[in-house]
Amino acid sequence: MDVKIRKLDGANMDIDLATPDDSISWQQDKCPWNEVEGVNVHKCAVKNVSICPYFCGIEYMDNVLCCYPHENPLRDV
């Protein structure tokens, strides 16, 4: 199966990122999984909690590699 990997700007991650009013000063693409479900709960990676099954890595500078709606084919099972 040929899995398309998207590059999402702004790293949709929650790794030690704390802002007082949940605002950020850089462009951040929306998570395609959140968009399909109409929610804002999915994150690519949350420190000490989880890594999204669609997360395929990080590319310089803070681009998230995402293969939604297909699970990461390189992920260990």
Protein backbone atom coordinates (compact mmCIF):
# COMPACT_ATOMS: atom_id res chain seq x y z
CA MET A 1 0.00 0.00 0.00
CA ASP A 2 1.28 3.44 -0.94
CA VAL A 3 0.81 5.72 2.09
CA LYS A 4 0.89 9.47 1.46
CA ILE A 5 2.78 11.40 4.13
CA ARG A 6 1.73 15.01 4.73
CA LYS A 7 3.98 17.71 6.14
CA LEU A 8 2.11 19.80 8.72
CA ASP A 9 3.62 23.15 9.72
CA GLY A 10 4.00 24.08 13.35
CA ALA A 11 4.36 20.74 15.09
CA ASN A 12 0.94 19.81 16.46
CA MET A 13 2.55 18.47 19.61
CA ASP A 14 2.23 19.06 23.31
CA ILE A 15 5.80 18.62 24.47
CA ASP A 16 6.58 21.08 27.26
CA LEU A 17 4.72 23.85 25.42
CA ALA A 18 2.94 26.07 27.89
CA THR A 19 1.40 29.38 26.93
CA PRO A 20 -0.68 31.48 29.32
CA ASP A 21 -3.67 31.86 27.01
CA ASP A 22 -3.14 28.91 24.65
CA SER A 23 -2.02 31.25 21.88
CA ILE A 24 1.07 30.80 19.76
CA SER A 25 2.85 33.25 17.51
CA TRP A 26 3.62 30.86 14.66
CA GLN A 27 1.59 29.20 11.92
CA GLN A 28 0.28 25.78 12.90
CA ASP A 29 -1.60 23.50 10.51
CA LYS A 30 -4.67 21.76 11.81
CA CYS A 31 -4.53 18.04 12.54
CA PRO A 32 -6.39 16.24 9.72
CA TRP A 33 -7.86 13.75 12.22
CA ASN A 34 -9.27 16.63 14.32
CA GLU A 35 -10.70 18.26 11.19
CA VAL A 36 -12.52 15.10 10.09
CA GLU A 37 -13.99 14.55 13.57
CA GLY A 38 -14.68 18.27 14.22
CA VAL A 39 -12.74 18.22 17.49
CA ASN A 40 -9.48 19.59 18.90
CA VAL A 41 -8.30 16.71 21.07
CA HIS A 42 -5.77 14.78 18.98
CA LYS A 43 -2.06 15.61 19.29
CA CYS A 44 0.88 14.07 17.44
CA ALA A 45 2.84 13.47 20.61
CA VAL A 46 2.27 14.20 24.28
CA LYS A 47 5.27 13.87 26.57
CA ASN A 48 5.14 10.69 28.67
CA VAL A 49 1.62 9.89 27.44
CA SER A 50 1.24 8.94 23.80
CA ILE A 51 2.27 9.13 20.19
CA CYS A 52 -0.46 9.29 17.57
CA PRO A 53 -0.77 6.17 15.35
CA TYR A 54 -0.57 8.49 12.29
CA PHE A 55 2.60 10.26 13.47
CA CYS A 56 5.55 9.53 11.15
CA GLY A 57 8.19 11.85 12.62
CA ILE A 58 9.45 15.42 12.71
CA GLU A 59 11.29 17.23 9.96
CA TYR A 60 13.34 20.39 10.36
CA MET A 61 11.94 22.95 11.36
CA ASP A 62 9.00 21.63 13.35
CA ASN A 63 7.17 20.01 10.46
CA VAL A 64 5.15 17.01 11.57
CA LEU A 65 5.06 14.09 9.16
CA CYS A 66 1.54 12.64 9.23
CA CYS A 67 0.03 9.72 7.31
CA TYR A 68 -3.63 10.16 8.38
CA PRO A 69 -5.94 8.31 7.66
CA HIS A 70 -3.47 5.41 7.39
CA GLU A 71 -1.46 4.21 10.36
CA ASN A 72 2.29 4.71 10.17
CA PRO A 73 3.61 1.81 8.06
CA LEU A 74 7.03 2.07 9.77
CA ARG A 75 5.62 1.83 13.30
CA ASP A 76 6.65 -1.16 15.40
CA VAL A 77 3.76 -3.52 16.08
